[in-house]
Amino acid sequence: MKSTLFVALLAMAGLANAATYNIDPSHTYPSFEADHKGLSLWRGKFNNTKGTITMDRAAKTGSLDITIDTTSIDFGHDKMNSHAKSPDIFNVEKFPTATYKGKSFKFNGDQLVGVDGELTLNGVTKPVELKVDRFKCVQDARLKREVCGANATAEFKRTDFGINFGTPNFAPEVKLAIQVEAIAAE
């Protein structure tokens, strides 16, 4: 009984050091690039994202829960935006959101360098590892709270998520880039 209580107290002590951050939707835009017939790379982004990040930098642990509004896709080209929302590609009527659930954070010393998690896109969930090449937290003078930011990247095959439009003329590989900023919860 004493050892169970001790383990519970240790777990609670770890939770006391964890901080929760809310994604700042005005500073967070997942973007991607995909092949266009081998001629060029089309780039797009999602304009609406929300979620939370929980992190304990001392314990080097964390999780994240991100929701992307797939109806907010923006290629900077109205016709392409409409087509991307159709059942051919993102099928936003049936799947208006995509999610990323980060299960574990990877650190190199004190620096966050990766997140292992699962991407759910078009109703399909697959593991996707984010590589973090920039991470920093600062005390924001205006907000009077800590703000953390990162740049994360990943690569996956869209066909793994049932997005088969145009293959093989359009390569299935997609590069994902996420600029994210999050504000410590009050």
C-alpha atoms as a PDB file:
ATOM      1  CA  MET A   1       0.000   0.000   0.000  1.00  0.00           C
ATOM      2  CA  LYS A   2       2.802   2.435   0.884  1.00  0.00           C
ATOM      3  CA  SER A   3       4.587   1.819  -2.433  1.00  0.00           C
ATOM      4  CA  THR A   4       1.344   2.439  -4.362  1.00  0.00           C
ATOM      5  CA  LEU A   5       0.839   5.721  -2.501  1.00  0.00           C
ATOM      6  CA  PHE A   6       4.457   6.700  -3.173  1.00  0.00           C
ATOM      7  CA  VAL A   7       4.070   6.030  -6.923  1.00  0.00           C
ATOM      8  CA  ALA A   8       0.830   8.039  -6.972  1.00  0.00           C
ATOM      9  CA  LEU A   9       2.524  10.962  -5.200  1.00  0.00           C
ATOM     10  CA  LEU A  10       5.416  10.872  -7.660  1.00  0.00           C
ATOM     11  CA  ALA A  11       2.991  10.886 -10.581  1.00  0.00           C
ATOM     12  CA  MET A  12       1.101  13.835  -9.101  1.00  0.00           C
ATOM     13  CA  ALA A  13       4.364  15.700  -8.549  1.00  0.00           C
ATOM     14  CA  GLY A  14       5.181  15.236 -12.226  1.00  0.00           C
ATOM     15  CA  LEU A  15       1.782  16.603 -13.208  1.00  0.00           C
ATOM     16  CA  ALA A  16       2.369  19.660 -11.051  1.00  0.00           C
ATOM     17  CA  ASN A  17       5.271  20.656 -13.326  1.00  0.00           C
ATOM     18  CA  ALA A  18       3.325  20.136 -16.555  1.00  0.00           C
ATOM     19  CA  ALA A  19       2.037  23.259 -18.256  1.00  0.00           C
ATOM     20  CA  THR A  20      -0.846  23.500 -20.688  1.00  0.00           C
ATOM     21  CA  TYR A  21      -0.669  25.749 -23.720  1.00  0.00           C
ATOM     22  CA  ASN A  22      -3.476  26.739 -26.063  1.00  0.00           C
ATOM     23  CA  ILE A  23      -2.686  26.863 -29.760  1.00  0.00           C
ATOM     24  CA  ASP A  24      -2.764  30.435 -31.046  1.00  0.00           C
ATOM     25  CA  PRO A  25      -4.840  30.132 -34.243  1.00  0.00           C
ATOM     26  CA  SER A  26      -3.545  33.460 -35.549  1.00  0.00           C
ATOM     27  CA  HIS A  27       0.037  32.130 -35.474  1.00  0.00           C
ATOM     28  CA  THR A  28      -0.473  28.467 -36.423  1.00  0.00           C
ATOM     29  CA  TYR A  29      -0.826  27.330 -40.031  1.00  0.00           C
ATOM     30  CA  PRO A  30      -0.177  23.741 -41.095  1.00  0.00           C
ATOM     31  CA  SER A  31       0.987  23.850 -44.696  1.00  0.00           C
ATOM     32  CA  PHE A  32       1.917  21.192 -47.207  1.00  0.00           C
ATOM     33  CA  GLU A  33       3.391  20.643 -50.617  1.00  0.00           C
ATOM     34  CA  ALA A  34       2.500  17.987 -53.123  1.00  0.00           C
ATOM     35  CA  ASP A  35       3.608  17.083 -56.615  1.00  0.00           C
ATOM     36  CA  HIS A  36       1.721  18.471 -59.612  1.00  0.00           C
ATOM     37  CA  LYS A  37       2.366  16.074 -62.513  1.00  0.00           C
ATOM     38  CA  GLY A  38       6.098  16.195 -61.864  1.00  0.00           C
ATOM     39  CA  LEU A  39       6.094  19.787 -63.119  1.00  0.00           C
ATOM     40  CA  SER A  40       5.917  21.756 -59.909  1.00  0.00           C
ATOM     41  CA  LEU A  41       5.025  21.530 -56.241  1.00  0.00           C
ATOM     42  CA  TRP A  42       1.627  22.869 -55.218  1.00  0.00           C
ATOM     43  CA  ARG A  43       1.608  24.417 -51.790  1.00  0.00           C
ATOM     44  CA  GLY A  44      -1.408  24.906 -49.607  1.00  0.00           C
ATOM     45  CA  LYS A  45      -2.246  25.650 -46.012  1.00  0.00           C
ATOM     46  CA  PHE A  46      -5.096  25.332 -43.572  1.00  0.00           C
ATOM     47  CA  ASN A  47      -6.269  28.653 -42.175  1.00  0.00           C
ATOM     48  CA  ASN A  48      -8.071  27.373 -39.051  1.00  0.00           C
ATOM     49  CA  THR A  49      -6.390  25.267 -36.400  1.00  0.00           C
ATOM     50  CA  LYS A  50      -7.024  24.799 -32.685  1.00  0.00           C
ATOM     51  CA  GLY A  51      -5.754  22.607 -29.897  1.00  0.00           C
ATOM     52  CA  THR A  52      -3.723  22.208 -26.757  1.00  0.00           C
ATOM     53  CA  ILE A  53      -0.220  21.161 -25.820  1.00  0.00           C
ATOM     54  CA  THR A  54       0.725  19.806 -22.408  1.00  0.00           C
ATOM     55  CA  MET A  55       4.407  19.736 -21.649  1.00  0.00           C
ATOM     56  CA  ASP A  56       6.711  19.133 -18.728  1.00  0.00           C
ATOM     57  CA  ARG A  57      10.138  20.276 -19.896  1.00  0.00           C
ATOM     58  CA  ALA A  58      11.849  19.080 -16.695  1.00  0.00           C
ATOM     59  CA  ALA A  59      10.473  15.545 -17.081  1.00  0.00           C
ATOM     60  CA  LYS A  60      10.858  15.746 -20.886  1.00  0.00           C
ATOM     61  CA  THR A  61       7.285  14.612 -21.474  1.00  0.00           C
ATOM     62  CA  GLY A  62       4.320  16.006 -23.288  1.00  0.00           C
ATOM     63  CA  SER A  63       1.311  15.481 -25.468  1.00  0.00           C
ATOM     64  CA  LEU A  64      -0.612  17.489 -27.989  1.00  0.00           C
ATOM     65  CA  ASP A  65      -4.063  17.489 -29.448  1.00  0.00           C
ATOM     66  CA  ILE A  66      -4.491  19.497 -32.646  1.00  0.00           C
ATOM     67  CA  THR A  67      -7.640  19.880 -34.760  1.00  0.00           C
ATOM     68  CA  ILE A  68      -7.364  21.220 -38.303  1.00  0.00           C
ATOM     69  CA  ASP A  69     -10.433  22.583 -40.066  1.00  0.00           C
ATOM     70  CA  THR A  70     -10.070  20.955 -43.504  1.00  0.00           C
ATOM     71  CA  THR A  71     -12.739  23.287 -44.917  1.00  0.00           C
ATOM     72  CA  SER A  72     -10.222  26.124 -44.448  1.00  0.00           C
ATOM     73  CA  ILE A  73      -7.829  24.745 -47.077  1.00  0.00           C
ATOM     74  CA  ASP A  74      -6.187  27.505 -49.107  1.00  0.00           C
ATOM     75  CA  PHE A  75      -4.030  27.047 -52.188  1.00  0.00           C
ATOM     76  CA  GLY A  76      -4.427  30.709 -53.165  1.00  0.00           C
ATOM     77  CA  HIS A  77      -6.457  29.407 -56.131  1.00  0.00           C
ATOM     78  CA  ASP A  78     -10.255  29.267 -55.789  1.00  0.00           C
ATOM     79  CA  LYS A  79     -10.797  26.452 -58.291  1.00  0.00           C
ATOM     80  CA  MET A  80      -8.169  24.269 -56.623  1.00  0.00           C
ATOM     81  CA  ASN A  81      -9.613  25.065 -53.173  1.00  0.00           C
ATOM     82  CA  SER A  82     -13.048  23.865 -54.335  1.00  0.00           C
ATOM     83  CA  HIS A  83     -11.639  20.694 -55.865  1.00  0.00           C
ATOM     84  CA  ALA A  84      -9.548  19.925 -52.766  1.00  0.00           C
ATOM     85  CA  LYS A  85     -12.727  20.097 -50.645  1.00  0.00           C
ATOM     86  CA  SER A  86     -14.518  17.581 -52.897  1.00  0.00           C
ATOM     87  CA  PRO A  87     -14.790  13.812 -52.276  1.00  0.00           C
ATOM     88  CA  ASP A  88     -11.836  13.402 -54.703  1.00  0.00           C
ATOM     89  CA  ILE A  89      -9.391  14.757 -52.152  1.00  0.00           C
ATOM     90  CA  PHE A  90     -10.292  15.917 -48.593  1.00  0.00           C
ATOM     91  CA  ASN A  91     -14.029  15.168 -48.722  1.00  0.00           C
ATOM     92  CA  VAL A  92     -14.717  17.987 -46.245  1.00  0.00           C
ATOM     93  CA  GLU A  93     -18.451  17.352 -46.154  1.00  0.00           C
ATOM     94  CA  LYS A  94     -17.821  13.939 -44.605  1.00  0.00           C
ATOM     95  CA  PHE A  95     -14.519  14.777 -42.838  1.00  0.00           C
ATOM     96  CA  PRO A  96     -14.527  18.490 -41.882  1.00  0.00           C
ATOM     97  CA  THR A  97     -11.530  18.071 -39.576  1.00  0.00           C
ATOM     98  CA  ALA A  98      -8.194  16.325 -39.417  1.00  0.00           C
ATOM     99  CA  THR A  99      -6.473  15.691 -36.085  1.00  0.00           C
ATOM    100  CA  TYR A 100      -2.990  15.062 -34.811  1.00  0.00           C
ATOM    101  CA  LYS A 101      -2.589  13.463 -31.400  1.00  0.00           C
ATOM    102  CA  GLY A 102       0.992  13.633 -30.151  1.00  0.00           C
ATOM    103  CA  LYS A 103       1.627  10.796 -27.715  1.00  0.00           C
ATOM    104  CA  SER A 104       5.257  11.351 -26.730  1.00  0.00           C
ATOM    105  CA  PHE A 105       7.804  14.123 -27.036  1.00  0.00           C
ATOM    106  CA  LYS A 106      11.460  13.540 -27.885  1.00  0.00           C
ATOM    107  CA  PHE A 107      14.184  15.726 -26.436  1.00  0.00           C
ATOM    108  CA  ASN A 108      17.876  16.137 -27.144  1.00  0.00           C
ATOM    109  CA  GLY A 109      19.062  17.532 -23.844  1.00  0.00           C
ATOM    110  CA  ASP A 110      16.632  20.360 -23.086  1.00  0.00           C
ATOM    111  CA  GLN A 111      15.650  20.859 -26.730  1.00  0.00           C
ATOM    112  CA  LEU A 112      12.390  19.415 -28.095  1.00  0.00           C
ATOM    113  CA  VAL A 113      13.300  17.645 -31.359  1.00  0.00           C
ATOM    114  CA  GLY A 114      10.329  15.430 -32.191  1.00  0.00           C
ATOM    115  CA  VAL A 115       6.838  14.193 -31.467  1.00  0.00           C
ATOM    116  CA  ASP A 116       5.478  10.706 -32.049  1.00  0.00           C
ATOM    117  CA  GLY A 117       1.779  10.707 -32.724  1.00  0.00           C
ATOM    118  CA  GLU A 118      -1.115   9.814 -34.968  1.00  0.00           C
ATOM    119  CA  LEU A 119      -2.620  11.771 -37.822  1.00  0.00           C
ATOM    120  CA  THR A 120      -6.285  11.203 -38.630  1.00  0.00           C
ATOM    121  CA  LEU A 121      -7.155  12.367 -42.130  1.00  0.00           C
ATOM    122  CA  ASN A 122     -10.186  11.333 -44.194  1.00  0.00           C
ATOM    123  CA  GLY A 123     -11.231   9.005 -41.378  1.00  0.00           C
ATOM    124  CA  VAL A 124      -7.951   7.066 -41.476  1.00  0.00           C
ATOM    125  CA  THR A 125      -5.502   7.113 -38.554  1.00  0.00           C
ATOM    126  CA  LYS A 126      -1.806   6.402 -39.078  1.00  0.00           C
ATOM    127  CA  PRO A 127       1.384   7.097 -37.099  1.00  0.00           C
ATOM    128  CA  VAL A 128       3.214  10.235 -38.223  1.00  0.00           C
ATOM    129  CA  GLU A 129       6.408  11.501 -36.598  1.00  0.00           C
ATOM    130  CA  LEU A 130       6.941  15.246 -36.426  1.00  0.00           C
ATOM    131  CA  LYS A 131      10.518  16.508 -36.539  1.00  0.00           C
ATOM    132  CA  VAL A 132      10.989  19.745 -34.627  1.00  0.00           C
ATOM    133  CA  ASP A 133      13.824  21.905 -35.947  1.00  0.00           C
ATOM    134  CA  ARG A 134      12.993  25.033 -33.963  1.00  0.00           C
ATOM    135  CA  PHE A 135      11.551  25.337 -30.465  1.00  0.00           C
ATOM    136  CA  LYS A 136      11.580  28.221 -28.022  1.00  0.00           C
ATOM    137  CA  CYS A 137       9.545  29.504 -25.075  1.00  0.00           C
ATOM    138  CA  VAL A 138       9.578  33.111 -23.857  1.00  0.00           C
ATOM    139  CA  GLN A 139       7.668  35.243 -21.390  1.00  0.00           C
ATOM    140  CA  ASP A 140       5.448  37.495 -23.533  1.00  0.00           C
ATOM    141  CA  ALA A 141       5.442  41.053 -22.141  1.00  0.00           C
ATOM    142  CA  ARG A 142       2.034  41.925 -23.601  1.00  0.00           C
ATOM    143  CA  LEU A 143       0.238  38.718 -22.612  1.00  0.00           C
ATOM    144  CA  LYS A 144       2.093  38.344 -19.288  1.00  0.00           C
ATOM    145  CA  ARG A 145       2.266  34.598 -19.975  1.00  0.00           C
ATOM    146  CA  GLU A 146       4.715  32.157 -21.462  1.00  0.00           C
ATOM    147  CA  VAL A 147       4.455  31.629 -25.220  1.00  0.00           C
ATOM    148  CA  CYS A 148       6.141  28.707 -26.964  1.00  0.00           C
ATOM    149  CA  GLY A 149       6.748  28.356 -30.668  1.00  0.00           C
ATOM    150  CA  ALA A 150       8.038  25.636 -32.920  1.00  0.00           C
ATOM    151  CA  ASN A 151       8.569  24.630 -36.497  1.00  0.00           C
ATOM    152  CA  ALA A 152       7.716  20.998 -37.182  1.00  0.00           C
ATOM    153  CA  THR A 153       7.884  18.930 -40.353  1.00  0.00           C
ATOM    154  CA  ALA A 154       6.784  15.495 -41.475  1.00  0.00           C
ATOM    155  CA  GLU A 155       6.435  13.419 -44.611  1.00  0.00           C
ATOM    156  CA  PHE A 156       3.745  10.875 -45.416  1.00  0.00           C
ATOM    157  CA  LYS A 157       1.936   9.296 -48.337  1.00  0.00           C
ATOM    158  CA  ARG A 158      -1.522  10.736 -48.963  1.00  0.00           C
ATOM    159  CA  THR A 159      -2.575   7.398 -50.441  1.00  0.00           C
ATOM    160  CA  ASP A 160      -2.157   5.858 -46.957  1.00  0.00           C
ATOM    161  CA  PHE A 161      -5.085   8.091 -45.959  1.00  0.00           C
ATOM    162  CA  GLY A 162      -7.285   7.230 -48.940  1.00  0.00           C
ATOM    163  CA  ILE A 163      -6.400  10.352 -50.943  1.00  0.00           C
ATOM    164  CA  ASN A 164      -5.726   8.670 -54.270  1.00  0.00           C
ATOM    165  CA  PHE A 165      -6.755  11.405 -56.710  1.00  0.00           C
ATOM    166  CA  GLY A 166      -4.465  11.668 -59.714  1.00  0.00           C
ATOM    167  CA  THR A 167      -2.088   8.834 -58.907  1.00  0.00           C
ATOM    168  CA  PRO A 168       0.236   7.963 -60.515  1.00  0.00           C
ATOM    169  CA  ASN A 169       0.444  11.328 -62.352  1.00  0.00           C
ATOM    170  CA  PHE A 170       0.580  13.097 -59.001  1.00  0.00           C
ATOM    171  CA  ALA A 171       3.097  11.526 -56.609  1.00  0.00           C
ATOM    172  CA  PRO A 172       1.622  10.305 -53.311  1.00  0.00           C
ATOM    173  CA  GLU A 173       4.348  11.843 -51.106  1.00  0.00           C
ATOM    174  CA  VAL A 174       3.354  14.939 -49.136  1.00  0.00           C
ATOM    175  CA  LYS A 175       5.612  17.223 -47.127  1.00  0.00           C
ATOM    176  CA  LEU A 176       3.976  18.822 -44.122  1.00  0.00           C
ATOM    177  CA  ALA A 177       5.279  21.945 -42.364  1.00  0.00           C
ATOM    178  CA  ILE A 178       3.695  23.391 -39.253  1.00  0.00           C
ATOM    179  CA  GLN A 179       4.500  26.735 -37.739  1.00  0.00           C
ATOM    180  CA  VAL A 180       2.921  26.773 -34.314  1.00  0.00           C
ATOM    181  CA  GLU A 181       2.711  29.150 -31.416  1.00  0.00           C
ATOM    182  CA  ALA A 182       0.913  28.363 -28.179  1.00  0.00           C
ATOM    183  CA  ILE A 183       0.100  30.462 -25.134  1.00  0.00           C
ATOM    184  CA  ALA A 184       0.247  29.173 -21.561  1.00  0.00           C
ATOM    185  CA  ALA A 185      -3.255  28.644 -20.214  1.00  0.00           C
ATOM    186  CA  GLU A 186      -4.276  30.934 -17.369  1.00  0.00           C
END
